[in-house]
C-alpha atoms as a PDB file:
ATOM      1  CA  UNK A   1       0.074  -0.114   0.075  1.00  0.00           C
ATOM      2  CA  UNK A   2       0.995   3.613  -0.458  1.00  0.00           C
ATOM      3  CA  UNK A   3       0.403   5.116   3.021  1.00  0.00           C
ATOM      4  CA  UNK A   4       0.451   8.711   4.215  1.00  0.00           C
ATOM      5  CA  UNK A   5       0.770   9.733   7.869  1.00  0.00           C
ATOM      6  CA  UNK A   6      -0.325  13.261   8.624  1.00  0.00           C
ATOM      7  CA  UNK A   7       0.276  14.417  12.227  1.00  0.00           C
ATOM      8  CA  UNK A   8       0.606  17.191  14.618  1.00  0.00           C
ATOM      9  CA  UNK A   9       3.127  17.120  17.438  1.00  0.00           C
ATOM     10  CA  UNK A  10       3.817  19.472  20.342  1.00  0.00           C
ATOM     11  CA  UNK A  11       6.768  18.264  22.335  1.00  0.00           C
ATOM     12  CA  UNK A  12       7.457  15.492  19.730  1.00  0.00           C
ATOM     13  CA  UNK A  13       5.612  12.530  21.326  1.00  0.00           C
ATOM     14  CA  UNK A  14       3.410  12.242  18.279  1.00  0.00           C
ATOM     15  CA  UNK A  15       6.483  12.513  16.040  1.00  0.00           C
ATOM     16  CA  UNK A  16       7.995   9.611  17.857  1.00  0.00           C
ATOM     17  CA  UNK A  17       4.773   7.495  17.521  1.00  0.00           C
ATOM     18  CA  UNK A  18       4.435   8.432  13.917  1.00  0.00           C
ATOM     19  CA  UNK A  19       7.964   7.165  13.256  1.00  0.00           C
ATOM     20  CA  UNK A  20       7.252   4.012  15.047  1.00  0.00           C
ATOM     21  CA  UNK A  21       4.218   3.398  13.010  1.00  0.00           C
ATOM     22  CA  UNK A  22       6.176   4.248   9.746  1.00  0.00           C
ATOM     23  CA  UNK A  23       8.866   1.615  10.752  1.00  0.00           C
ATOM     24  CA  UNK A  24       6.089  -1.068  11.264  1.00  0.00           C
ATOM     25  CA  UNK A  25       4.532  -0.355   7.807  1.00  0.00           C
ATOM     26  CA  UNK A  26       7.978  -0.298   6.145  1.00  0.00           C
ATOM     27  CA  UNK A  27       8.603  -3.793   7.713  1.00  0.00           C
ATOM     28  CA  UNK A  28       5.525  -5.033   5.781  1.00  0.00           C
ATOM     29  CA  UNK A  29       6.892  -3.603   2.579  1.00  0.00           C
ATOM     30  CA  UNK A  30       4.509  -0.589   2.367  1.00  0.00           C
ATOM     31  CA  UNK A  31       5.408   2.739   1.041  1.00  0.00           C
ATOM     32  CA  UNK A  32       5.107   5.370   3.789  1.00  0.00           C
ATOM     33  CA  UNK A  33       5.342   9.202   3.780  1.00  0.00           C
ATOM     34  CA  UNK A  34       5.093  11.486   6.773  1.00  0.00           C
ATOM     35  CA  UNK A  35       3.630  14.998   6.862  1.00  0.00           C
ATOM     36  CA  UNK A  36       4.130  17.046  10.119  1.00  0.00           C
ATOM     37  CA  UNK A  37       1.646  19.925  10.542  1.00  0.00           C
ATOM     38  CA  UNK A  38       2.970  23.318  11.496  1.00  0.00           C
ATOM     39  CA  UNK A  39       2.018  26.805  10.347  1.00  0.00           C
ATOM     40  CA  UNK A  40       3.924  26.365   7.119  1.00  0.00           C
ATOM     41  CA  UNK A  41       2.555  22.828   6.209  1.00  0.00           C
ATOM     42  CA  UNK A  42       1.643  22.511   2.549  1.00  0.00           C
ATOM     43  CA  UNK A  43      -1.804  21.777   1.076  1.00  0.00           C
ATOM     44  CA  UNK A  44      -1.702  18.186   0.157  1.00  0.00           C
ATOM     45  CA  UNK A  45      -3.600  15.950  -2.413  1.00  0.00           C
ATOM     46  CA  UNK A  46      -4.048  12.832  -0.352  1.00  0.00           C
ATOM     47  CA  UNK A  47      -6.416  11.156  -2.870  1.00  0.00           C
ATOM     48  CA  UNK A  48      -3.636   8.929  -4.339  1.00  0.00           C
ATOM     49  CA  UNK A  49      -2.935   7.124  -1.234  1.00  0.00           C
ATOM     50  CA  UNK A  50      -4.545   3.738  -0.139  1.00  0.00           C
ATOM     51  CA  UNK A  51      -4.481   4.543   3.553  1.00  0.00           C
ATOM     52  CA  UNK A  52      -4.254   7.847   5.636  1.00  0.00           C
ATOM     53  CA  UNK A  53      -3.162   7.965   9.138  1.00  0.00           C
ATOM     54  CA  UNK A  54      -4.088  11.137  11.281  1.00  0.00           C
ATOM     55  CA  UNK A  55      -2.081  11.415  14.467  1.00  0.00           C
ATOM     56  CA  UNK A  56      -2.360  14.031  17.274  1.00  0.00           C
ATOM     57  CA  UNK A  57      -1.712  14.708  20.937  1.00  0.00           C
ATOM     58  CA  UNK A  58      -4.903  15.009  23.002  1.00  0.00           C
ATOM     59  CA  UNK A  59      -5.330  18.644  24.423  1.00  0.00           C
ATOM     60  CA  UNK A  60      -7.856  19.100  27.025  1.00  0.00           C
ATOM     61  CA  UNK A  61      -9.858  15.994  25.755  1.00  0.00           C
ATOM     62  CA  UNK A  62      -9.920  17.308  22.185  1.00  0.00           C
ATOM     63  CA  UNK A  63      -7.855  17.034  18.999  1.00  0.00           C
ATOM     64  CA  UNK A  64      -5.780  20.319  18.598  1.00  0.00           C
ATOM     65  CA  UNK A  65      -7.899  23.083  16.907  1.00  0.00           C
ATOM     66  CA  UNK A  66      -5.148  24.199  14.488  1.00  0.00           C
ATOM     67  CA  UNK A  67      -4.770  20.528  13.362  1.00  0.00           C
ATOM     68  CA  UNK A  68      -8.467  20.239  12.750  1.00  0.00           C
ATOM     69  CA  UNK A  69      -8.466  23.387  10.658  1.00  0.00           C
ATOM     70  CA  UNK A  70      -5.526  22.126   8.580  1.00  0.00           C
ATOM     71  CA  UNK A  71      -7.302  18.838   7.825  1.00  0.00           C
ATOM     72  CA  UNK A  72     -10.397  20.776   6.837  1.00  0.00           C
ATOM     73  CA  UNK A  73      -8.766  23.332   4.712  1.00  0.00           C
ATOM     74  CA  UNK A  74      -5.661  21.816   3.324  1.00  0.00           C
ATOM     75  CA  UNK A  75      -6.020  18.216   2.676  1.00  0.00           C
ATOM     76  CA  UNK A  76      -7.891  16.827  -0.314  1.00  0.00           C
ATOM     77  CA  UNK A  77      -9.396  13.327   0.380  1.00  0.00           C
ATOM     78  CA  UNK A  78     -11.013  10.988  -2.076  1.00  0.00           C
ATOM     79  CA  UNK A  79     -14.518   9.657  -1.485  1.00  0.00           C
ATOM     80  CA  UNK A  80     -14.434   6.208   0.031  1.00  0.00           C
ATOM     81  CA  UNK A  81     -10.730   6.606   1.216  1.00  0.00           C
ATOM     82  CA  UNK A  82      -9.647   4.636   4.219  1.00  0.00           C
ATOM     83  CA  UNK A  83      -8.183   6.401   7.180  1.00  0.00           C
ATOM     84  CA  UNK A  84      -7.328   5.550  10.786  1.00  0.00           C
ATOM     85  CA  UNK A  85      -6.563   7.782  13.878  1.00  0.00           C
ATOM     86  CA  UNK A  86      -3.854   7.445  16.352  1.00  0.00           C
ATOM     87  CA  UNK A  87      -3.710   9.755  19.312  1.00  0.00           C
ATOM     88  CA  UNK A  88      -1.761  10.022  22.435  1.00  0.00           C
ATOM     89  CA  UNK A  89      -2.086  11.517  25.864  1.00  0.00           C
ATOM     90  CA  UNK A  90      -0.516  11.194  29.420  1.00  0.00           C
ATOM     91  CA  UNK A  91      -3.527   9.456  30.855  1.00  0.00           C
ATOM     92  CA  UNK A  92      -6.466   7.056  29.905  1.00  0.00           C
ATOM     93  CA  UNK A  93      -9.531   9.045  31.288  1.00  0.00           C
ATOM     94  CA  UNK A  94     -12.674   8.120  29.564  1.00  0.00           C
ATOM     95  CA  UNK A  95     -13.272  11.677  28.343  1.00  0.00           C
ATOM     96  CA  UNK A  96     -10.425  11.168  26.006  1.00  0.00           C
ATOM     97  CA  UNK A  97     -12.857   8.756  24.109  1.00  0.00           C
ATOM     98  CA  UNK A  98     -14.533  12.017  22.592  1.00  0.00           C
ATOM     99  CA  UNK A  99     -11.362  13.601  21.487  1.00  0.00           C
ATOM    100  CA  UNK A 100     -11.598  12.532  17.882  1.00  0.00           C
ATOM    101  CA  UNK A 101     -15.203  13.731  17.201  1.00  0.00           C
ATOM    102  CA  UNK A 102     -14.302  16.782  15.210  1.00  0.00           C
ATOM    103  CA  UNK A 103     -11.996  14.595  12.808  1.00  0.00           C
ATOM    104  CA  UNK A 104     -14.649  11.896  12.640  1.00  0.00           C
ATOM    105  CA  UNK A 105     -17.338  14.507  11.578  1.00  0.00           C
ATOM    106  CA  UNK A 106     -14.860  15.862   8.925  1.00  0.00           C
ATOM    107  CA  UNK A 107     -14.585  12.233   7.801  1.00  0.00           C
ATOM    108  CA  UNK A 108     -18.257  11.793   7.433  1.00  0.00           C
ATOM    109  CA  UNK A 109     -18.556  15.029   5.573  1.00  0.00           C
ATOM    110  CA  UNK A 110     -15.798  14.008   3.207  1.00  0.00           C
ATOM    111  CA  UNK A 111     -17.145  10.528   2.924  1.00  0.00           C
ATOM    112  CA  UNK A 112     -14.014   8.771   3.971  1.00  0.00           C
ATOM    113  CA  UNK A 113     -14.083   5.503   5.764  1.00  0.00           C
ATOM    114  CA  UNK A 114     -12.706   5.194   9.327  1.00  0.00           C
ATOM    115  CA  UNK A 115     -11.055   1.849   9.679  1.00  0.00           C
ATOM    116  CA  UNK A 116      -9.422   2.240  13.144  1.00  0.00           C
ATOM    117  CA  UNK A 117      -8.687   4.447  16.145  1.00  0.00           C
ATOM    118  CA  UNK A 118      -6.046   3.864  18.694  1.00  0.00           C
ATOM    119  CA  UNK A 119      -5.162   5.742  21.935  1.00  0.00           C
ATOM    120  CA  UNK A 120      -1.568   5.447  23.008  1.00  0.00           C
ATOM    121  CA  UNK A 121      -0.072   6.699  26.377  1.00  0.00           C
ATOM    122  CA  UNK A 122       2.988   8.786  26.304  1.00  0.00           C
ATOM    123  CA  UNK A 123       4.487  10.889  29.130  1.00  0.00           C
ATOM    124  CA  UNK A 124       3.128  14.272  30.134  1.00  0.00           C
ATOM    125  CA  UNK A 125       4.597  17.489  28.811  1.00  0.00           C
ATOM    126  CA  UNK A 126       2.711  19.427  31.465  1.00  0.00           C
ATOM    127  CA  UNK A 127       1.316  18.724  35.006  1.00  0.00           C
ATOM    128  CA  UNK A 128       4.173  16.659  36.242  1.00  0.00           C
ATOM    129  CA  UNK A 129       6.995  14.560  34.767  1.00  0.00           C
ATOM    130  CA  UNK A 130       6.789  10.793  34.464  1.00  0.00           C
ATOM    131  CA  UNK A 131       9.486   8.551  35.945  1.00  0.00           C
ATOM    132  CA  UNK A 132      11.790   6.732  33.617  1.00  0.00           C
ATOM    133  CA  UNK A 133      10.737   3.152  34.685  1.00  0.00           C
ATOM    134  CA  UNK A 134       7.074   4.109  34.191  1.00  0.00           C
ATOM    135  CA  UNK A 135       7.816   5.335  30.709  1.00  0.00           C
ATOM    136  CA  UNK A 136       9.594   2.113  29.895  1.00  0.00           C
ATOM    137  CA  UNK A 137       6.627   0.176  30.896  1.00  0.00           C
ATOM    138  CA  UNK A 138       4.411   2.427  28.790  1.00  0.00           C
ATOM    139  CA  UNK A 139       6.562   1.986  25.734  1.00  0.00           C
ATOM    140  CA  UNK A 140       6.571  -1.865  26.177  1.00  0.00           C
ATOM    141  CA  UNK A 141       2.674  -1.708  26.159  1.00  0.00           C
ATOM    142  CA  UNK A 142       2.764   0.640  23.185  1.00  0.00           C
ATOM    143  CA  UNK A 143       4.833  -1.951  21.201  1.00  0.00           C
ATOM    144  CA  UNK A 144       1.863  -4.463  21.818  1.00  0.00           C
ATOM    145  CA  UNK A 145      -0.681  -1.849  20.727  1.00  0.00           C
ATOM    146  CA  UNK A 146       1.380  -1.171  17.663  1.00  0.00           C
ATOM    147  CA  UNK A 147       1.246  -4.907  16.753  1.00  0.00           C
ATOM    148  CA  UNK A 148      -2.493  -4.736  17.193  1.00  0.00           C
ATOM    149  CA  UNK A 149      -2.834  -1.687  15.087  1.00  0.00           C
ATOM    150  CA  UNK A 150      -0.904  -3.122  12.176  1.00  0.00           C
ATOM    151  CA  UNK A 151      -2.603  -6.582  12.531  1.00  0.00           C
ATOM    152  CA  UNK A 152      -6.080  -5.119  12.457  1.00  0.00           C
ATOM    153  CA  UNK A 153      -5.456  -2.824   9.555  1.00  0.00           C
ATOM    154  CA  UNK A 154      -3.920  -5.722   7.437  1.00  0.00           C
ATOM    155  CA  UNK A 155      -6.926  -7.904   8.368  1.00  0.00           C
ATOM    156  CA  UNK A 156      -9.397  -5.065   7.938  1.00  0.00           C
ATOM    157  CA  UNK A 157     -10.513  -5.456  11.453  1.00  0.00           C
ATOM    158  CA  UNK A 158     -12.281  -2.185  12.215  1.00  0.00           C
ATOM    159  CA  UNK A 159     -11.569  -0.888  15.795  1.00  0.00           C
ATOM    160  CA  UNK A 160     -13.168   2.346  16.931  1.00  0.00           C
ATOM    161  CA  UNK A 161     -13.053   4.046  20.241  1.00  0.00           C
ATOM    162  CA  UNK A 162     -16.601   4.751  21.164  1.00  0.00           C
ATOM    163  CA  UNK A 163     -17.793   7.820  22.946  1.00  0.00           C
ATOM    164  CA  UNK A 164     -21.153   8.912  24.252  1.00  0.00           C
ATOM    165  CA  UNK A 165     -23.090  12.173  24.234  1.00  0.00           C
ATOM    166  CA  UNK A 166     -21.996  12.945  27.842  1.00  0.00           C
ATOM    167  CA  UNK A 167     -18.303  12.701  26.913  1.00  0.00           C
ATOM    168  CA  UNK A 168     -18.916  14.719  23.747  1.00  0.00           C
ATOM    169  CA  UNK A 169     -20.611  17.524  25.574  1.00  0.00           C
ATOM    170  CA  UNK A 170     -18.133  17.552  28.436  1.00  0.00           C
ATOM    171  CA  UNK A 171     -14.931  17.497  26.155  1.00  0.00           C
ATOM    172  CA  UNK A 172     -16.502  20.273  24.023  1.00  0.00           C
ATOM    173  CA  UNK A 173     -16.909  22.622  27.099  1.00  0.00           C
ATOM    174  CA  UNK A 174     -13.452  21.570  28.519  1.00  0.00           C
ATOM    175  CA  UNK A 175     -11.670  22.423  25.325  1.00  0.00           C
ATOM    176  CA  UNK A 176      -8.950  24.834  26.229  1.00  0.00           C
ATOM    177  CA  UNK A 177      -7.347  25.591  23.070  1.00  0.00           C
ATOM    178  CA  UNK A 178     -10.103  27.620  21.435  1.00  0.00           C
ATOM    179  CA  UNK A 179      -9.295  30.576  23.596  1.00  0.00           C
ATOM    180  CA  UNK A 180      -6.625  29.306  26.084  1.00  0.00           C
ATOM    181  CA  UNK A 181      -3.557  29.729  23.787  1.00  0.00           C
ATOM    182  CA  UNK A 182      -4.155  33.244  22.616  1.00  0.00           C
ATOM    183  CA  UNK A 183      -5.250  34.554  26.055  1.00  0.00           C
ATOM    184  CA  UNK A 184      -2.523  32.731  28.056  1.00  0.00           C
ATOM    185  CA  UNK A 185       0.090  33.948  25.706  1.00  0.00           C
ATOM    186  CA  UNK A 186      -0.200  37.501  26.995  1.00  0.00           C
ATOM    187  CA  UNK A 187       1.260  36.295  30.111  1.00  0.00           C
ATOM    188  CA  UNK A 188       4.116  34.302  28.726  1.00  0.00           C
ATOM    189  CA  UNK A 189       7.571  35.790  29.588  1.00  0.00           C
ATOM    190  CA  UNK A 190      11.328  35.007  29.395  1.00  0.00           C
ATOM    191  CA  UNK A 191      13.650  35.453  32.291  1.00  0.00           C
ATOM    192  CA  UNK A 192      16.515  37.397  30.500  1.00  0.00           C
ATOM    193  CA  UNK A 193      18.795  36.536  33.195  1.00  0.00           C
ATOM    194  CA  UNK A 194      18.584  32.857  32.441  1.00  0.00           C
ATOM    195  CA  UNK A 195      17.984  33.114  28.689  1.00  0.00           C
ATOM    196  CA  UNK A 196      21.062  32.202  26.512  1.00  0.00           C
ATOM    197  CA  UNK A 197      19.640  33.366  23.258  1.00  0.00           C
ATOM    198  CA  UNK A 198      19.953  29.904  21.626  1.00  0.00           C
ATOM    199  CA  UNK A 199      16.907  30.746  19.534  1.00  0.00           C
ATOM    200  CA  UNK A 200      15.586  27.200  19.868  1.00  0.00           C
ATOM    201  CA  UNK A 201      12.142  28.382  21.090  1.00  0.00           C
ATOM    202  CA  UNK A 202      11.845  30.745  18.099  1.00  0.00           C
ATOM    203  CA  UNK A 203      13.198  28.191  15.439  1.00  0.00           C
ATOM    204  CA  UNK A 204      10.998  25.335  16.670  1.00  0.00           C
ATOM    205  CA  UNK A 205       7.694  27.009  17.472  1.00  0.00           C
ATOM    206  CA  UNK A 206       5.167  25.347  15.212  1.00  0.00           C
ATOM    207  CA  UNK A 207       2.978  28.460  14.954  1.00  0.00           C
ATOM    208  CA  UNK A 208       5.738  30.980  14.580  1.00  0.00           C
ATOM    209  CA  UNK A 209       4.600  32.732  17.709  1.00  0.00           C
ATOM    210  CA  UNK A 210       7.984  33.710  19.099  1.00  0.00           C
ATOM    211  CA  UNK A 211      10.368  36.259  18.049  1.00  0.00           C
ATOM    212  CA  UNK A 212      13.298  38.447  19.183  1.00  0.00           C
ATOM    213  CA  UNK A 213      12.517  42.258  19.407  1.00  0.00           C
ATOM    214  CA  UNK A 214      14.899  45.232  18.760  1.00  0.00           C
ATOM    215  CA  UNK A 215      16.111  44.976  22.397  1.00  0.00           C
ATOM    216  CA  UNK A 216      17.311  41.482  21.780  1.00  0.00           C
ATOM    217  CA  UNK A 217      14.563  40.126  24.123  1.00  0.00           C
ATOM    218  CA  UNK A 218      12.387  37.012  23.361  1.00  0.00           C
ATOM    219  CA  UNK A 219       8.808  37.988  22.881  1.00  0.00           C
ATOM    220  CA  UNK A 220       5.501  36.326  21.977  1.00  0.00           C
ATOM    221  CA  UNK A 221       2.642  36.940  19.569  1.00  0.00           C
ATOM    222  CA  UNK A 222      -0.719  35.618  20.259  1.00  0.00           C
ATOM    223  CA  UNK A 223      -1.039  32.638  17.967  1.00  0.00           C
ATOM    224  CA  UNK A 224      -0.073  30.100  20.476  1.00  0.00           C
ATOM    225  CA  UNK A 225      -1.039  26.519  19.870  1.00  0.00           C
ATOM    226  CA  UNK A 226      -0.292  25.670  23.638  1.00  0.00           C
ATOM    227  CA  UNK A 227       1.987  22.827  22.716  1.00  0.00           C
ATOM    228  CA  UNK A 228       4.429  23.671  25.493  1.00  0.00           C
ATOM    229  CA  UNK A 229       7.386  22.951  23.106  1.00  0.00           C
ATOM    230  CA  UNK A 230       9.254  26.062  23.989  1.00  0.00           C
ATOM    231  CA  UNK A 231       9.204  25.801  27.771  1.00  0.00           C
ATOM    232  CA  UNK A 232       9.601  22.034  27.615  1.00  0.00           C
ATOM    233  CA  UNK A 233      12.867  22.107  25.535  1.00  0.00           C
ATOM    234  CA  UNK A 234      14.397  25.466  26.789  1.00  0.00           C
ATOM    235  CA  UNK A 235      17.891  24.453  27.908  1.00  0.00           C
ATOM    236  CA  UNK A 236      18.030  27.336  30.484  1.00  0.00           C
ATOM    237  CA  UNK A 237      14.444  26.852  31.839  1.00  0.00           C
ATOM    238  CA  UNK A 238      13.950  30.479  31.195  1.00  0.00           C
ATOM    239  CA  UNK A 239      10.241  30.520  29.991  1.00  0.00           C
ATOM    240  CA  UNK A 240       7.296  31.317  32.096  1.00  0.00           C
ATOM    241  CA  UNK A 241       4.041  29.910  30.512  1.00  0.00           C
ATOM    242  CA  UNK A 242       1.596  32.155  32.320  1.00  0.00           C
ATOM    243  CA  UNK A 243      -1.268  30.552  34.020  1.00  0.00           C
ATOM    244  CA  UNK A 244       0.162  27.049  33.470  1.00  0.00           C
ATOM    245  CA  UNK A 245       3.649  27.781  34.842  1.00  0.00           C
ATOM    246  CA  UNK A 246       3.123  25.790  38.108  1.00  0.00           C
ATOM    247  CA  UNK A 247       2.431  22.724  35.824  1.00  0.00           C
ATOM    248  CA  UNK A 248       5.500  23.278  33.575  1.00  0.00           C
ATOM    249  CA  UNK A 249       7.746  20.114  32.779  1.00  0.00           C
ATOM    250  CA  UNK A 250      11.164  21.094  31.364  1.00  0.00           C
ATOM    251  CA  UNK A 251      13.473  19.190  29.047  1.00  0.00           C
ATOM    252  CA  UNK A 252      12.845  15.838  30.632  1.00  0.00           C
ATOM    253  CA  UNK A 253      12.523  12.897  28.251  1.00  0.00           C
ATOM    254  CA  UNK A 254      14.580  10.944  25.676  1.00  0.00           C
ATOM    255  CA  UNK A 255      12.026   8.581  24.268  1.00  0.00           C
ATOM    256  CA  UNK A 256      14.380   7.136  21.659  1.00  0.00           C
ATOM    257  CA  UNK A 257      16.914   6.149  24.276  1.00  0.00           C
ATOM    258  CA  UNK A 258      14.202   4.927  26.614  1.00  0.00           C
ATOM    259  CA  UNK A 259      12.764   2.968  23.881  1.00  0.00           C
ATOM    260  CA  UNK A 260      16.012   1.184  23.029  1.00  0.00           C
ATOM    261  CA  UNK A 261      16.422   0.230  26.870  1.00  0.00           C
ATOM    262  CA  UNK A 262      13.852  -2.543  27.248  1.00  0.00           C
ATOM    263  CA  UNK A 263      14.866  -3.417  30.826  1.00  0.00           C
ATOM    264  CA  UNK A 264      12.428  -2.618  33.515  1.00  0.00           C
ATOM    265  CA  UNK A 265      13.721  -2.453  37.119  1.00  0.00           C
ATOM    266  CA  UNK A 266      10.240  -3.725  38.139  1.00  0.00           C
ATOM    267  CA  UNK A 267       6.683  -3.258  36.939  1.00  0.00           C
ATOM    268  CA  UNK A 268       5.671   0.259  37.792  1.00  0.00           C
ATOM    269  CA  UNK A 269       1.973  -0.315  37.681  1.00  0.00           C
ATOM    270  CA  UNK A 270       1.265  -3.206  40.071  1.00  0.00           C
ATOM    271  CA  UNK A 271      -2.526  -2.958  40.440  1.00  0.00           C
ATOM    272  CA  UNK A 272      -2.934  -1.395  43.789  1.00  0.00           C
ATOM    273  CA  UNK A 273      -2.510   2.179  42.731  1.00  0.00           C
ATOM    274  CA  UNK A 274      -4.928   4.739  43.750  1.00  0.00           C
ATOM    275  CA  UNK A 275      -5.738   8.272  42.329  1.00  0.00           C
ATOM    276  CA  UNK A 276      -4.196   9.320  38.921  1.00  0.00           C
ATOM    277  CA  UNK A 277      -2.303   6.076  38.435  1.00  0.00           C
ATOM    278  CA  UNK A 278      -5.259   3.751  38.823  1.00  0.00           C
ATOM    279  CA  UNK A 279      -6.422   4.087  35.262  1.00  0.00           C
ATOM    280  CA  UNK A 280      -3.267   2.498  34.000  1.00  0.00           C
ATOM    281  CA  UNK A 281      -3.872  -0.907  35.330  1.00  0.00           C
ATOM    282  CA  UNK A 282      -7.214  -1.150  33.347  1.00  0.00           C
ATOM    283  CA  UNK A 283      -5.579   0.274  30.342  1.00  0.00           C
ATOM    284  CA  UNK A 284      -2.635  -2.033  30.312  1.00  0.00           C
ATOM    285  CA  UNK A 285      -4.815  -5.082  31.030  1.00  0.00           C
ATOM    286  CA  UNK A 286      -6.928  -4.167  27.970  1.00  0.00           C
ATOM    287  CA  UNK A 287      -3.909  -3.972  25.841  1.00  0.00           C
ATOM    288  CA  UNK A 288      -2.661  -7.401  27.140  1.00  0.00           C
ATOM    289  CA  UNK A 289      -5.999  -9.022  26.518  1.00  0.00           C
ATOM    290  CA  UNK A 290      -6.257  -7.735  22.831  1.00  0.00           C
ATOM    291  CA  UNK A 291      -2.585  -8.648  22.367  1.00  0.00           C
ATOM    292  CA  UNK A 292      -3.145 -12.317  23.495  1.00  0.00           C
ATOM    293  CA  UNK A 293      -6.178 -12.633  21.268  1.00  0.00           C
ATOM    294  CA  UNK A 294      -4.371 -11.078  18.351  1.00  0.00           C
ATOM    295  CA  UNK A 295      -1.354 -13.571  18.960  1.00  0.00           C
ATOM    296  CA  UNK A 296      -3.503 -16.570  18.823  1.00  0.00           C
ATOM    297  CA  UNK A 297      -4.800 -15.559  15.324  1.00  0.00           C
ATOM    298  CA  UNK A 298      -1.316 -15.139  13.766  1.00  0.00           C
END
């Protein structure tokens, strides 16, 4: 098959995941192309591809608004074309089930056929950092979910994550990106005593929202995607992200190195967790159950 993966990434979790999916398809002798969305992403005629993958990080239980707009305005689909969704977040709360509703609505309007939807866990880029052993365990289960994704697409086993009206309504009102980015960006600031003028934030901002003024100070426009890339990767930890600064996570993960290191010290999720971590036991058990079922069918 000729496959196109179109994705948006904030702190590069979805880029990492997209590359993993690409590697799996290539192993099966498929031709794969990647398109990463940013403000300069081109208009694409996707009608000549056999399969389209749409990938995104979940923001406030929603797909990112700029990515939705890009798919609507800049991608040409073909009626009856097959596509799948792969999304990622730092937790497995049920409200995430509703996050693809805008993309699914676009698919129905364009009369393209959804053949799969998969939710991967990857470490937070906001709230708090994940410990390395926890990330390693997550990545091991992601490998199994990737096996399931590839197998289902090959066998044309359609797997959709079902939402309901309550999740849809709740996620609609929780959506923070509609106004959050532009408003919060008024409160972004850079500590000039820390800033080393490496220009990493300016060069890598997906919305071209950051610039340097005539006084050689880093400043922000108000077209922020709320991806946290600037603060996450700032080598000097010099960026204050306004209302969200108390949740800031800075320059923490090397997913590629952790992915190569398969050794777990011990299972991080043991089944007796409470609070935030409780949801992961159910998530891991579900993947394991699907994986065992899939393995029996090979």
